[in-house]
């Protein structure tokens, strides 16, 4: 079927604050926090509908959520690009330039701090 990365990925996303259990429940229309616990332990598989909903909300692909170890990949830049692409039609040229500047400055600062450690 697929690699079994979803349980560890949903745990990783929750633990790192990329999404909350409350948000997952609201997005999927589920009302049982224990369902999320069962997803995290692999005790229960997520439905395709819920998987697509969560992936779309987070800016990941379904493939990334189920076939890749998100804790070992650098998807942040890709996810920001997806978000940027989704909103590009409503942004002015100044908005785009400001966002690109902030993102580049943040990346540069991260790299600088990483190299100084």
C-alpha atoms as a PDB file:
ATOM      1  CA  UNK A   1       0.000   0.000   0.000  1.00  0.00           C
ATOM      2  CA  UNK A   2       2.430   2.726   1.151  1.00  0.00           C
ATOM      3  CA  UNK A   3       5.372   3.289   3.422  1.00  0.00           C
ATOM      4  CA  UNK A   4       4.329   3.627   7.018  1.00  0.00           C
ATOM      5  CA  UNK A   5       5.563   7.186   7.607  1.00  0.00           C
ATOM      6  CA  UNK A   6       2.203   8.754   8.385  1.00  0.00           C
ATOM      7  CA  UNK A   7       2.170   7.807  12.093  1.00  0.00           C
ATOM      8  CA  UNK A   8       5.604   9.296  12.734  1.00  0.00           C
ATOM      9  CA  UNK A   9       4.889  12.274  10.465  1.00  0.00           C
ATOM     10  CA  UNK A  10       1.651  13.212  12.225  1.00  0.00           C
ATOM     11  CA  UNK A  11       3.456  12.897  15.561  1.00  0.00           C
ATOM     12  CA  UNK A  12       6.312  15.056  14.221  1.00  0.00           C
ATOM     13  CA  UNK A  13       3.904  17.711  12.900  1.00  0.00           C
ATOM     14  CA  UNK A  14       1.997  17.831  16.187  1.00  0.00           C
ATOM     15  CA  UNK A  15       5.137  17.846  18.344  1.00  0.00           C
ATOM     16  CA  UNK A  16       6.662  20.676  16.315  1.00  0.00           C
ATOM     17  CA  UNK A  17       3.557  22.834  16.388  1.00  0.00           C
ATOM     18  CA  UNK A  18       2.910  22.721  12.668  1.00  0.00           C
ATOM     19  CA  UNK A  19      -0.657  21.684  13.441  1.00  0.00           C
ATOM     20  CA  UNK A  20      -2.640  21.126  16.617  1.00  0.00           C
ATOM     21  CA  UNK A  21      -4.889  18.214  17.509  1.00  0.00           C
ATOM     22  CA  UNK A  22      -7.756  20.700  17.765  1.00  0.00           C
ATOM     23  CA  UNK A  23      -7.124  21.914  14.215  1.00  0.00           C
ATOM     24  CA  UNK A  24      -6.968  18.352  12.903  1.00  0.00           C
ATOM     25  CA  UNK A  25     -10.275  17.543  14.558  1.00  0.00           C
ATOM     26  CA  UNK A  26     -11.877  20.700  13.171  1.00  0.00           C
ATOM     27  CA  UNK A  27     -10.535  20.111   9.657  1.00  0.00           C
ATOM     28  CA  UNK A  28     -11.600  16.485   9.506  1.00  0.00           C
ATOM     29  CA  UNK A  29     -14.886  16.845  11.344  1.00  0.00           C
ATOM     30  CA  UNK A  30     -13.812  14.222  13.864  1.00  0.00           C
ATOM     31  CA  UNK A  31     -14.532  14.743  17.537  1.00  0.00           C
ATOM     32  CA  UNK A  32     -12.343  12.127  19.174  1.00  0.00           C
ATOM     33  CA  UNK A  33      -8.801  13.108  20.208  1.00  0.00           C
ATOM     34  CA  UNK A  34      -8.126   9.393  20.710  1.00  0.00           C
ATOM     35  CA  UNK A  35      -8.379   8.972  16.924  1.00  0.00           C
ATOM     36  CA  UNK A  36      -5.272  11.146  16.535  1.00  0.00           C
ATOM     37  CA  UNK A  37      -3.500   9.068  19.164  1.00  0.00           C
ATOM     38  CA  UNK A  38      -4.379   5.931  17.203  1.00  0.00           C
ATOM     39  CA  UNK A  39      -2.997   7.528  14.015  1.00  0.00           C
ATOM     40  CA  UNK A  40       0.238   8.386  15.852  1.00  0.00           C
ATOM     41  CA  UNK A  41       0.688   4.849  17.118  1.00  0.00           C
ATOM     42  CA  UNK A  42      -0.303   3.262  13.815  1.00  0.00           C
ATOM     43  CA  UNK A  43      -3.165   1.507  15.571  1.00  0.00           C
ATOM     44  CA  UNK A  44      -5.579   3.010  13.062  1.00  0.00           C
ATOM     45  CA  UNK A  45      -5.083   4.212   9.485  1.00  0.00           C
ATOM     46  CA  UNK A  46      -6.230   7.631   8.389  1.00  0.00           C
ATOM     47  CA  UNK A  47      -8.948   7.853   5.759  1.00  0.00           C
ATOM     48  CA  UNK A  48      -7.994   9.136   2.333  1.00  0.00           C
ATOM     49  CA  UNK A  49     -10.368  12.078   2.759  1.00  0.00           C
ATOM     50  CA  UNK A  50      -8.792  13.114   6.072  1.00  0.00           C
ATOM     51  CA  UNK A  51      -5.293  12.613   4.683  1.00  0.00           C
ATOM     52  CA  UNK A  52      -6.016  14.904   1.727  1.00  0.00           C
ATOM     53  CA  UNK A  53      -7.602  17.519   3.997  1.00  0.00           C
ATOM     54  CA  UNK A  54      -4.609  17.607   6.344  1.00  0.00           C
ATOM     55  CA  UNK A  55      -2.086  17.614   3.488  1.00  0.00           C
ATOM     56  CA  UNK A  56      -3.843  20.520   1.775  1.00  0.00           C
ATOM     57  CA  UNK A  57      -4.059  22.499   5.004  1.00  0.00           C
ATOM     58  CA  UNK A  58      -0.352  22.053   5.719  1.00  0.00           C
ATOM     59  CA  UNK A  59       0.858  22.557   2.163  1.00  0.00           C
ATOM     60  CA  UNK A  60       2.245  19.033   1.906  1.00  0.00           C
ATOM     61  CA  UNK A  61       1.387  16.483  -0.714  1.00  0.00           C
ATOM     62  CA  UNK A  62      -0.292  13.244   0.300  1.00  0.00           C
ATOM     63  CA  UNK A  63       2.819  11.471  -0.980  1.00  0.00           C
ATOM     64  CA  UNK A  64       5.016  13.462   1.415  1.00  0.00           C
ATOM     65  CA  UNK A  65       2.822  12.638   4.401  1.00  0.00           C
ATOM     66  CA  UNK A  66       2.796   8.906   3.767  1.00  0.00           C
ATOM     67  CA  UNK A  67       6.033   8.145   1.916  1.00  0.00           C
ATOM     68  CA  UNK A  68       8.642  10.510   3.357  1.00  0.00           C
ATOM     69  CA  UNK A  69      10.133  10.999   6.783  1.00  0.00           C
ATOM     70  CA  UNK A  70       9.341  14.682   7.295  1.00  0.00           C
ATOM     71  CA  UNK A  71      11.680  14.924  10.257  1.00  0.00           C
ATOM     72  CA  UNK A  72      14.632  14.240   7.950  1.00  0.00           C
ATOM     73  CA  UNK A  73      13.669  16.380   5.019  1.00  0.00           C
ATOM     74  CA  UNK A  74      13.762  20.089   4.433  1.00  0.00           C
ATOM     75  CA  UNK A  75      10.212  20.718   3.266  1.00  0.00           C
ATOM     76  CA  UNK A  76       9.860  24.131   4.905  1.00  0.00           C
ATOM     77  CA  UNK A  77      11.037  26.000   1.823  1.00  0.00           C
ATOM     78  CA  UNK A  78       8.861  23.896  -0.458  1.00  0.00           C
ATOM     79  CA  UNK A  79       5.823  24.444   1.777  1.00  0.00           C
ATOM     80  CA  UNK A  80       6.394  28.195   1.815  1.00  0.00           C
ATOM     81  CA  UNK A  81       6.620  28.111  -1.958  1.00  0.00           C
ATOM     82  CA  UNK A  82       3.299  26.264  -2.137  1.00  0.00           C
ATOM     83  CA  UNK A  83       1.704  28.822   0.173  1.00  0.00           C
ATOM     84  CA  UNK A  84       3.260  31.652  -1.811  1.00  0.00           C
ATOM     85  CA  UNK A  85       1.998  30.139  -5.072  1.00  0.00           C
ATOM     86  CA  UNK A  86      -1.527  29.753  -3.656  1.00  0.00           C
ATOM     87  CA  UNK A  87      -1.689  33.443  -2.726  1.00  0.00           C
ATOM     88  CA  UNK A  88       0.291  34.971  -5.565  1.00  0.00           C
ATOM     89  CA  UNK A  89      -2.798  36.133  -7.449  1.00  0.00           C
ATOM     90  CA  UNK A  90      -3.947  38.349  -4.581  1.00  0.00           C
ATOM     91  CA  UNK A  91      -0.542  39.793  -3.685  1.00  0.00           C
ATOM     92  CA  UNK A  92       0.777  43.037  -5.080  1.00  0.00           C
ATOM     93  CA  UNK A  93       4.310  43.213  -6.466  1.00  0.00           C
ATOM     94  CA  UNK A  94       5.347  45.062  -3.282  1.00  0.00           C
ATOM     95  CA  UNK A  95       3.803  42.310  -1.131  1.00  0.00           C
ATOM     96  CA  UNK A  96       5.709  39.652  -3.056  1.00  0.00           C
ATOM     97  CA  UNK A  97       8.977  41.539  -2.794  1.00  0.00           C
ATOM     98  CA  UNK A  98       8.499  42.051   0.959  1.00  0.00           C
ATOM     99  CA  UNK A  99       7.715  38.380   1.552  1.00  0.00           C
ATOM    100  CA  UNK A 100      10.672  37.244  -0.530  1.00  0.00           C
ATOM    101  CA  UNK A 101      12.950  39.662   1.349  1.00  0.00           C
ATOM    102  CA  UNK A 102      11.774  38.421   4.758  1.00  0.00           C
ATOM    103  CA  UNK A 103      12.114  34.782   3.744  1.00  0.00           C
ATOM    104  CA  UNK A 104      15.605  35.282   2.352  1.00  0.00           C
ATOM    105  CA  UNK A 105      16.723  37.241   5.400  1.00  0.00           C
ATOM    106  CA  UNK A 106      15.399  34.489   7.674  1.00  0.00           C
ATOM    107  CA  UNK A 107      17.198  31.802   5.667  1.00  0.00           C
ATOM    108  CA  UNK A 108      20.423  33.832   5.665  1.00  0.00           C
ATOM    109  CA  UNK A 109      20.231  34.348   9.455  1.00  0.00           C
ATOM    110  CA  UNK A 110      19.573  30.662  10.011  1.00  0.00           C
ATOM    111  CA  UNK A 111      22.546  29.663   7.858  1.00  0.00           C
ATOM    112  CA  UNK A 112      24.771  32.239   9.571  1.00  0.00           C
ATOM    113  CA  UNK A 113      23.795  31.007  13.044  1.00  0.00           C
ATOM    114  CA  UNK A 114      24.159  27.391  11.993  1.00  0.00           C
ATOM    115  CA  UNK A 115      27.694  28.028  10.719  1.00  0.00           C
ATOM    116  CA  UNK A 116      28.668  29.867  13.926  1.00  0.00           C
ATOM    117  CA  UNK A 117      27.779  26.931  16.177  1.00  0.00           C
END
